[in-house]
């Protein structure tokens, strides 16, 4: 439990979590837009938007997991940086 508290105090980790939450919200919005458009050009635009946000979400999730894994292996390393 103490390790997770220290990790949550890491500003980089906190920023990544905020970005991840925003990407999730953006993805929900992109899906909603896609479900509501009827014009073929707008459909294409929404598809590109969904794909872009999915890639961003996947990237951020990977970085969060990387930090968590690295912290789990050596919690002192993150505290020193």
Protein backbone atom coordinates (compact mmCIF):
# COMPACT_ATOMS: atom_id res chain seq x y z
CA UNK A 1 0.00 0.00 0.00
CA UNK A 2 2.83 2.38 0.88
CA UNK A 3 4.38 1.84 -2.55
CA UNK A 4 1.18 2.84 -4.34
CA UNK A 5 0.89 6.00 -2.23
CA UNK A 6 4.45 7.02 -3.19
CA UNK A 7 3.73 6.27 -6.84
CA UNK A 8 0.61 8.44 -6.79
CA UNK A 9 2.72 11.35 -5.51
CA UNK A 10 4.96 11.09 -8.59
CA UNK A 11 4.03 14.12 -10.75
CA UNK A 12 4.79 12.32 -14.03
CA UNK A 13 2.56 9.41 -13.08
CA UNK A 14 -0.23 11.75 -11.97
CA UNK A 15 -0.01 13.68 -15.24
CA UNK A 16 -0.17 10.45 -17.24
CA UNK A 17 -3.25 9.34 -15.31
CA UNK A 18 -4.93 12.68 -16.01
CA UNK A 19 -4.06 12.38 -19.71
CA UNK A 20 -5.39 8.82 -19.71
CA UNK A 21 -8.70 9.95 -18.20
CA UNK A 22 -8.96 12.73 -20.78
CA UNK A 23 -8.20 10.30 -23.61
CA UNK A 24 -10.94 7.99 -22.33
CA UNK A 25 -13.39 10.88 -22.30
CA UNK A 26 -12.26 11.94 -25.79
CA UNK A 27 -12.76 8.37 -27.00
CA UNK A 28 -16.30 8.25 -25.63
CA UNK A 29 -17.03 11.55 -27.38
CA UNK A 30 -15.52 10.32 -30.66
CA UNK A 31 -17.68 7.17 -30.52
CA UNK A 32 -20.75 9.26 -29.78
CA UNK A 33 -20.02 11.54 -32.72
CA UNK A 34 -19.53 8.53 -34.98
CA UNK A 35 -22.86 7.05 -33.94
CA UNK A 36 -24.71 10.30 -34.70
CA UNK A 37 -23.33 11.42 -38.06
CA UNK A 38 -24.95 10.58 -41.40
CA UNK A 39 -22.87 12.50 -43.94
CA UNK A 40 -20.23 10.22 -45.58
CA UNK A 41 -17.48 12.84 -45.18
CA UNK A 42 -18.27 13.25 -41.49
CA UNK A 43 -18.31 9.47 -41.03
CA UNK A 44 -14.79 9.28 -42.49
CA UNK A 45 -13.69 12.14 -40.23
CA UNK A 46 -15.12 10.41 -37.16
CA UNK A 47 -13.38 7.15 -38.08
CA UNK A 48 -10.03 8.96 -38.24
CA UNK A 49 -10.79 10.69 -34.95
CA UNK A 50 -11.67 7.40 -33.22
CA UNK A 51 -8.50 5.76 -34.53
CA UNK A 52 -6.31 8.67 -33.43
CA UNK A 53 -7.76 8.74 -29.92
CA UNK A 54 -7.50 4.94 -29.62
CA UNK A 55 -3.79 5.14 -30.46
CA UNK A 56 -3.26 7.90 -27.92
CA UNK A 57 -5.13 5.93 -25.24
CA UNK A 58 -3.12 2.80 -26.02
CA UNK A 59 0.15 4.76 -25.82
CA UNK A 60 -0.75 6.38 -22.49
CA UNK A 61 -1.94 3.11 -21.01
CA UNK A 62 1.34 1.48 -22.01
CA UNK A 63 3.34 4.27 -20.35
CA UNK A 64 1.30 4.01 -17.14
CA UNK A 65 1.85 0.24 -17.04
CA UNK A 66 5.56 0.72 -17.75
CA UNK A 67 5.91 3.13 -14.81
CA UNK A 68 3.92 0.82 -12.52
CA UNK A 69 6.02 -2.20 -13.52
CA UNK A 70 9.26 -0.29 -13.10
CA UNK A 71 8.12 1.01 -9.71
CA UNK A 72 7.08 -2.47 -8.61
CA UNK A 73 10.58 -3.74 -9.42
CA UNK A 74 12.44 -0.88 -7.74
CA UNK A 75 10.36 1.70 -5.87
CA UNK A 76 13.40 3.65 -4.67
CA UNK A 77 14.54 4.38 -8.23
CA UNK A 78 11.47 6.51 -8.94
CA UNK A 79 11.67 8.28 -5.62
CA UNK A 80 15.26 9.38 -6.31
CA UNK A 81 14.51 10.87 -9.76
